Amino acid sequence: MKAVIVREHGGVEKLLFEEAEKPRIKPDEVLVAVKAAGINHLDLWVRKGVPGHKFPLPMIPGTDVAGDIVEAGPLATGFKVGDRVAVMPGFADPLTEQSLSGQDQLSRDYGIFGETRNGGCAEFMDAPARNLMRLPPSMSYSDAAACPLVFLTAWTMLKKAGVKANDLVLMHAAGSGVTSAGIQLAKLLGATVIATAGSEEKLEKARKLGADFLVNYRQDWVEEVKKLTSKAGVDVIFDHVGPDTFDGDMKLIRWGGRYVTCGSTTGGEVRLNLRALFFKRISLIGSTMGPKADQIEVWKLLTSGKVRPVVDRVFAIRDIREAHSYVESRRAFGKVVLDATQW
């Protein structure tokens, strides 16, 4: 089969087009003919490398996948050849203590397609049947491939932070996949959202997703948020930027506030005043991925139309290098998706 393979870390030239062996499925798995694959920052890390972390290269990237089942094992119950499906990106041994308690993302063997096991930037991909979600007739493959990772991440973050009606939530990087999903989900929970972004165009798109207040972070965004809140601050901070926003976040969070993060795109080290932490009774919450129950719950919200995919552009998979460069340029609002039928 045709596949994109990363054999060593580096620039976009490390995305290699090769012939690979077609996967052989296990009894509880299916073979998916890939129609679309979403690009996440995780794909960039797999290609570029992360200091101190070892990826099991060579790897076929592609975490978010949608396509058609073309083969099903005898134990792949509930699905059949011809079904249109999306793939849940996270997986673990279903018999670990954590999986059996509904917290599979805490299993020590937890992995993600395209990071620890071959993903969807190929003609075919194998996946356990328990990782499948049906596509309604009205959902396109590209929309489906824009959703699984970012909506799971955002939904779990909001739940862990206990976001509820009338909470004031500051959400950074509105143009990112996670935050464009998070804005919609926070509004669904009844929260008031302050969204930040680096351009007026992105802020206007955030407004259309439901953001109540908009702040351009290229200005003095801390002072702008103080003005919006009459210096009272915010209940929840939803962040994955890291050092560039953390100091300001700690100035804006209310007593008893919750700071939840799923990433740190501007670096891994921040300064933390422990006296402020305990004196203001702040909760610092780390979140990566989420349980399958959250994935199913947020998929129902998507397929019922209560929230919607946010797709910025669709590239042919033959243009994956250009697509990676476009994501790195930070011009996108929402998700960039690959049409996996255009080799």
Protein backbone atom coordinates (compact mmCIF):
# COMPACT_ATOMS: atom_id res chain seq x y z
CA MET A 1 0.00 0.00 0.00
CA LYS A 2 1.02 3.65 -0.33
CA ALA A 3 2.04 5.28 2.95
CA VAL A 4 3.74 8.32 4.46
CA ILE A 5 6.54 7.22 6.78
CA VAL A 6 8.75 9.13 9.24
CA ARG A 7 12.08 7.32 9.59
CA GLU A 8 14.04 10.09 11.33
CA HIS A 9 13.21 13.44 12.86
CA GLY A 10 13.55 16.71 11.04
CA GLY A 11 11.81 19.04 8.64
CA VAL A 12 8.95 18.32 6.30
CA GLU A 13 11.37 16.52 3.96
CA LYS A 14 11.36 13.68 6.53
CA LEU A 15 7.79 12.84 5.47
CA LEU A 16 8.62 10.07 3.02
CA PHE A 17 6.30 8.51 0.44
CA GLU A 18 6.91 4.76 0.36
CA GLU A 19 5.33 1.41 -0.36
CA ALA A 20 4.49 -0.38 2.90
CA GLU A 21 3.08 -3.76 3.76
CA LYS A 22 -0.69 -3.77 4.03
CA PRO A 23 -1.66 -4.39 7.69
CA ARG A 24 -2.79 -7.83 8.77
CA ILE A 25 -5.66 -7.55 11.21
CA LYS A 26 -6.12 -9.47 14.46
CA PRO A 27 -9.43 -11.25 15.21
CA ASP A 28 -10.81 -8.24 17.13
CA GLU A 29 -9.67 -5.67 14.56
CA VAL A 30 -10.84 -4.18 11.28
CA LEU A 31 -9.01 -2.90 8.25
CA VAL A 32 -10.02 0.62 7.29
CA ALA A 33 -9.60 2.06 3.80
CA VAL A 34 -8.54 5.56 4.84
CA LYS A 35 -10.45 8.42 3.24
CA ALA A 36 -9.27 11.32 5.41
CA ALA A 37 -6.71 11.99 8.15
CA GLY A 38 -6.57 15.04 10.40
CA ILE A 39 -3.31 16.77 11.30
CA ASN A 40 -2.64 17.55 14.96
CA HIS A 41 0.35 19.11 16.68
CA LEU A 42 1.19 15.57 17.71
CA ASP A 43 1.96 14.80 14.06
CA LEU A 44 4.42 17.69 14.05
CA TRP A 45 6.13 16.40 17.20
CA VAL A 46 6.43 12.90 15.74
CA ARG A 47 8.06 14.35 12.63
CA LYS A 48 10.24 16.96 14.37
CA GLY A 49 11.08 15.05 17.55
CA VAL A 50 10.74 16.13 21.19
CA PRO A 51 13.80 16.58 23.45
CA GLY A 52 13.96 13.79 26.03
CA HIS A 53 11.25 11.70 24.37
CA LYS A 54 11.82 8.71 22.10
CA PHE A 55 9.29 7.89 19.39
CA PRO A 56 9.28 4.33 18.02
CA LEU A 57 10.36 5.20 14.48
CA PRO A 58 9.73 4.35 11.70
CA MET A 59 6.14 5.49 12.06
CA ILE A 60 3.18 6.14 9.78
CA PRO A 61 1.73 9.37 11.23
CA GLY A 62 -1.94 10.29 11.37
CA THR A 63 -3.91 10.28 14.61
CA ASP A 64 -7.41 11.21 13.43
CA VAL A 65 -8.76 8.83 10.79
CA ALA A 66 -12.01 8.30 8.89
CA GLY A 67 -12.77 5.75 6.21
CA ASP A 68 -14.57 2.54 5.22
CA ILE A 69 -14.22 -0.91 6.74
CA VAL A 70 -12.94 -3.29 4.05
CA GLU A 71 -12.15 -6.27 6.28
CA ALA A 72 -13.38 -7.33 9.73
CA GLY A 73 -12.03 -9.99 12.07
CA PRO A 74 -14.36 -12.63 13.54
CA LEU A 75 -14.30 -10.91 16.95
CA ALA A 76 -14.84 -7.39 15.58
CA THR A 77 -18.46 -7.41 16.69
CA GLY A 78 -20.87 -4.61 15.94
CA PHE A 79 -19.27 -3.58 12.66
CA LYS A 80 -19.20 -4.97 9.14
CA VAL A 81 -17.52 -4.44 5.83
CA GLY A 82 -18.78 -1.25 4.20
CA ASP A 83 -19.43 0.69 7.42
CA ARG A 84 -18.24 4.31 7.43
CA VAL A 85 -16.26 4.91 10.60
CA ALA A 86 -13.97 7.25 12.49
CA VAL A 87 -11.23 5.87 14.73
CA MET A 88 -10.82 6.79 18.39
CA PRO A 89 -7.16 7.89 18.57
CA GLY A 90 -6.25 6.38 21.96
CA PHE A 91 -5.92 2.71 22.85
CA ALA A 92 -4.86 0.47 25.72
CA ASP A 93 -5.11 -3.13 26.83
CA PRO A 94 -8.83 -3.42 27.69
CA LEU A 95 -8.06 -5.68 30.66
CA THR A 96 -5.82 -3.31 32.64
CA GLU A 97 -7.17 -2.10 35.98
CA GLN A 98 -7.44 1.41 34.57
CA SER A 99 -9.31 0.31 31.44
CA LEU A 100 -11.72 -1.82 33.42
CA SER A 101 -12.47 1.16 35.67
CA GLY A 102 -13.20 3.37 32.65
CA GLN A 103 -9.92 5.28 32.73
CA ASP A 104 -8.04 3.63 29.89
CA GLN A 105 -6.02 6.81 29.25
CA LEU A 106 -4.26 6.21 32.60
CA SER A 107 -3.01 2.75 31.62
CA ARG A 108 0.77 2.50 31.44
CA ASP A 109 0.48 0.94 27.99
CA TYR A 110 -1.83 3.69 26.67
CA GLY A 111 -0.90 4.71 23.15
CA ILE A 112 -2.08 6.92 20.32
CA PHE A 113 -2.31 6.05 16.65
CA GLY A 114 0.41 7.82 14.70
CA GLU A 115 2.58 8.18 17.81
CA THR A 116 3.07 4.73 19.33
CA ARG A 117 1.42 2.65 16.59
CA ASN A 118 1.07 3.28 12.87
CA GLY A 119 -1.60 5.82 12.03
CA GLY A 120 -3.74 6.82 9.11
CA CYS A 121 -1.48 8.51 6.56
CA ALA A 122 -1.69 5.43 4.38
CA GLU A 123 -4.15 3.69 2.09
CA PHE A 124 -5.13 1.26 4.86
CA MET A 125 -5.03 1.20 8.66
CA ASP A 126 -5.77 -1.54 11.19
CA ALA A 127 -7.64 -0.72 14.40
CA PRO A 128 -9.50 -2.58 17.18
CA ALA A 129 -13.27 -2.62 16.68
CA ARG A 130 -13.66 -1.08 20.16
CA ASN A 131 -11.97 2.05 18.77
CA LEU A 132 -14.58 2.69 16.08
CA MET A 133 -17.33 5.29 15.87
CA ARG A 134 -19.99 5.32 13.17
CA LEU A 135 -20.33 8.23 10.78
CA PRO A 136 -23.86 9.48 10.19
CA PRO A 137 -24.79 9.81 6.49
CA SER A 138 -24.60 13.59 6.74
CA MET A 139 -20.98 13.68 7.99
CA SER A 140 -18.17 13.86 5.47
CA TYR A 141 -14.91 11.97 5.94
CA SER A 142 -12.98 15.23 6.23
CA ASP A 143 -15.29 16.55 8.96
CA ALA A 144 -15.06 13.26 10.83
CA ALA A 145 -11.25 13.28 10.66
CA ALA A 146 -11.19 16.79 12.14
CA CYS A 147 -12.86 15.76 15.38
CA PRO A 148 -11.68 12.81 17.51
CA LEU A 149 -8.52 14.03 19.25
CA VAL A 150 -9.32 17.72 19.73
CA PHE A 151 -12.92 17.26 20.85
CA LEU A 152 -11.95 14.47 23.25
CA THR A 153 -9.13 16.59 24.66
CA ALA A 154 -11.27 19.71 25.06
CA TRP A 155 -14.25 17.86 26.57
CA THR A 156 -12.09 16.05 29.12
CA MET A 157 -10.30 19.28 30.05
CA LEU A 158 -13.58 21.08 30.70
CA LYS A 159 -14.94 18.18 32.73
CA LYS A 160 -11.78 17.89 34.83
CA ALA A 161 -11.91 21.63 35.51
CA GLY A 162 -15.55 21.30 36.58
CA VAL A 163 -16.77 23.97 34.16
CA LYS A 164 -20.41 24.81 34.81
CA ALA A 165 -23.05 27.37 33.94
CA ASN A 166 -22.00 30.98 34.56
CA ASP A 167 -18.31 30.16 34.97
CA LEU A 168 -16.03 32.69 33.29
CA VAL A 169 -13.50 30.78 31.20
CA LEU A 170 -10.39 32.25 29.56
CA MET A 171 -9.48 30.17 26.50
CA HIS A 172 -6.16 30.74 24.75
CA ALA A 173 -5.26 30.23 21.08
CA ALA A 174 -8.79 30.28 19.70
CA GLY A 175 -7.56 29.23 16.27
CA SER A 176 -6.19 25.91 17.48
CA GLY A 177 -8.12 22.70 17.01
CA VAL A 178 -8.47 22.10 20.75
CA THR A 179 -9.68 25.61 21.58
CA SER A 180 -12.03 25.91 18.61
CA ALA A 181 -13.64 22.74 19.95
CA GLY A 182 -13.41 23.94 23.55
CA ILE A 183 -15.23 27.22 22.88
CA GLN A 184 -18.25 25.36 21.55
CA LEU A 185 -18.26 22.84 24.38
CA ALA A 186 -17.84 25.49 27.09
CA LYS A 187 -20.81 27.38 25.70
CA LEU A 188 -22.82 24.17 25.66
CA LEU A 189 -22.10 23.89 29.40
CA GLY A 190 -23.40 27.43 29.93
CA ALA A 191 -20.06 29.13 30.56
CA THR A 192 -19.06 32.64 29.51
CA VAL A 193 -15.99 32.52 27.26
CA ILE A 194 -13.15 34.98 26.80
CA ALA A 195 -11.13 33.86 23.76
CA THR A 196 -7.66 35.04 22.75
CA ALA A 197 -6.07 34.94 19.31
CA GLY A 198 -3.41 36.80 17.36
CA SER A 199 -5.52 38.35 14.59
CA GLU A 200 -8.85 40.06 14.17
CA GLU A 201 -9.82 37.47 11.57
CA LYS A 202 -9.36 34.62 14.04
CA LEU A 203 -11.16 36.54 16.77
CA GLU A 204 -14.16 37.03 14.48
CA LYS A 205 -14.24 33.30 13.78
CA ALA A 206 -14.08 32.64 17.53
CA ARG A 207 -17.05 34.95 17.99
CA LYS A 208 -19.02 32.92 15.43
CA LEU A 209 -18.26 29.78 17.45
CA GLY A 210 -19.83 31.41 20.51
CA ALA A 211 -17.06 33.31 22.31
CA ASP A 212 -18.56 36.14 24.36
CA PHE A 213 -15.46 38.35 24.65
CA LEU A 214 -12.44 38.61 22.36
CA VAL A 215 -8.86 39.62 23.19
CA ASN A 216 -5.95 40.01 20.78
CA TYR A 217 -2.94 38.55 22.58
CA ARG A 218 -0.58 40.74 20.55
CA GLN A 219 -1.77 43.58 22.78
CA ASP A 220 -1.48 43.67 26.59
CA TRP A 221 -3.94 40.80 26.92
CA VAL A 222 -3.61 40.61 30.71
CA GLU A 223 -4.78 44.20 31.10
CA GLU A 224 -7.56 43.65 28.57
CA VAL A 225 -8.90 40.67 30.54
CA LYS A 226 -8.65 42.67 33.76
CA LYS A 227 -10.78 45.39 32.18
CA LEU A 228 -13.34 42.88 30.95
CA THR A 229 -13.66 41.34 34.41
CA SER A 230 -13.38 44.62 36.39
CA LYS A 231 -10.17 43.13 37.85
CA ALA A 232 -12.10 40.18 39.33
CA GLY A 233 -10.35 37.64 37.11
CA VAL A 234 -11.65 34.35 35.70
CA ASP A 235 -12.87 31.09 37.17
CA VAL A 236 -11.16 28.76 34.71
CA ILE A 237 -8.17 29.05 32.40
CA PHE A 238 -8.06 26.67 29.43
CA ASP A 239 -4.52 26.62 28.08
CA HIS A 240 -2.05 24.67 25.97
CA VAL A 241 0.38 27.49 25.18
CA GLY A 242 2.58 27.26 28.28
CA PRO A 243 5.33 29.74 29.25
CA ASP A 244 4.10 32.55 26.98
CA THR A 245 0.78 32.73 28.84
CA PHE A 246 1.38 31.16 32.26
CA ASP A 247 2.58 34.24 34.18
CA GLY A 248 -0.38 36.26 32.91
CA ASP A 249 -2.75 33.42 33.69
CA MET A 250 -1.63 33.36 37.32
CA LYS A 251 -2.41 37.09 37.57
CA LEU A 252 -5.91 36.58 36.17
CA ILE A 253 -7.14 33.48 37.96
CA ARG A 254 -9.61 34.05 40.78
CA TRP A 255 -9.33 32.65 44.28
CA GLY A 256 -10.41 29.04 44.04
CA GLY A 257 -9.88 29.09 40.28
CA ARG A 258 -8.91 26.16 38.09
CA TYR A 259 -6.11 26.14 35.53
CA VAL A 260 -6.27 23.22 33.09
CA THR A 261 -3.68 22.46 30.43
CA CYS A 262 -3.22 19.78 27.79
CA GLY A 263 -0.02 21.03 26.23
CA SER A 264 2.84 23.49 26.22
CA THR A 265 3.64 24.59 22.69
CA THR A 266 5.99 27.41 23.78
CA GLY A 267 8.18 25.30 26.08
CA GLY A 268 8.08 23.08 29.14
CA GLU A 269 9.26 25.28 31.99
CA VAL A 270 7.26 27.92 33.87
CA ARG A 271 7.72 29.90 37.09
CA LEU A 272 5.27 29.12 39.85
CA ASN A 273 4.88 31.03 43.10
CA LEU A 274 3.77 28.35 45.56
CA ARG A 275 2.54 30.96 48.03
CA ALA A 276 0.14 32.31 45.44
CA LEU A 277 -0.90 28.75 44.61
CA PHE A 278 -1.99 27.79 48.11
CA PHE A 279 -3.06 31.24 49.26
CA LYS A 280 -5.45 31.69 46.32
CA ARG A 281 -6.53 28.00 46.54
CA ILE A 282 -5.74 27.47 42.86
CA SER A 283 -6.13 24.05 41.25
CA LEU A 284 -3.55 23.17 38.60
CA ILE A 285 -4.89 20.39 36.37
CA GLY A 286 -3.01 18.42 33.76
CA SER A 287 -4.98 16.63 31.09
CA THR A 288 -3.97 14.41 28.18
CA MET A 289 -6.55 12.75 25.95
CA GLY A 290 -9.44 11.20 27.93
CA PRO A 291 -11.44 8.03 28.57
CA LYS A 292 -13.43 6.31 25.83
CA ALA A 293 -16.62 7.28 27.65
CA ASP A 294 -15.76 10.94 27.04
CA GLN A 295 -14.98 10.17 23.40
CA ILE A 296 -18.37 8.55 22.92
CA GLU A 297 -20.15 11.34 24.78
CA VAL A 298 -18.62 14.13 22.70
CA TRP A 299 -19.11 12.14 19.46
CA LYS A 300 -22.84 12.10 20.22
CA LEU A 301 -22.74 15.88 20.58
CA LEU A 302 -21.04 16.12 17.18
CA THR A 303 -23.32 13.72 15.34
CA SER A 304 -26.43 15.37 16.79
CA GLY A 305 -25.26 18.78 15.58
CA LYS A 306 -24.90 20.37 19.03
CA VAL A 307 -21.28 21.19 18.22
CA ARG A 308 -19.58 21.12 14.83
CA PRO A 309 -16.23 20.28 13.23
CA VAL A 310 -14.05 23.26 12.38
CA VAL A 311 -12.08 22.54 9.20
CA ASP A 312 -9.76 25.25 7.89
CA ARG A 313 -8.37 23.51 4.79
CA VAL A 314 -8.25 20.10 3.15
CA PHE A 315 -4.99 19.13 1.43
CA ALA A 316 -4.38 16.15 -0.84
CA ILE A 317 -2.23 13.63 1.03
CA ARG A 318 0.39 14.01 -1.70
CA ASP A 319 0.78 17.57 -0.38
CA ILE A 320 1.33 16.53 3.25
CA ARG A 321 4.59 18.46 3.45
CA GLU A 322 2.80 21.66 2.47
CA ALA A 323 0.05 20.82 4.96
CA HIS A 324 2.57 20.43 7.81
CA SER A 325 4.17 23.76 6.89
CA TYR A 326 0.76 25.41 6.85
CA VAL A 327 -0.07 24.10 10.35
CA GLU A 328 3.33 25.29 11.63
CA SER A 329 2.70 28.75 10.18
CA ARG A 330 -0.21 29.15 12.63
CA ARG A 331 -2.43 30.54 9.87
CA ALA A 332 -5.09 27.88 10.29
CA PHE A 333 -8.27 28.32 12.28
CA GLY A 334 -9.43 24.90 13.40
CA LYS A 335 -8.20 21.72 11.77
CA VAL A 336 -6.19 20.89 8.68
CA VAL A 337 -7.22 17.61 7.07
CA LEU A 338 -5.64 15.35 4.45
CA ASP A 339 -7.71 13.81 1.65
CA ALA A 340 -6.21 10.31 1.78
CA THR A 341 -7.60 9.35 -1.62
CA GLN A 342 -5.36 11.83 -3.49
CA TRP A 343 -1.93 10.26 -3.74
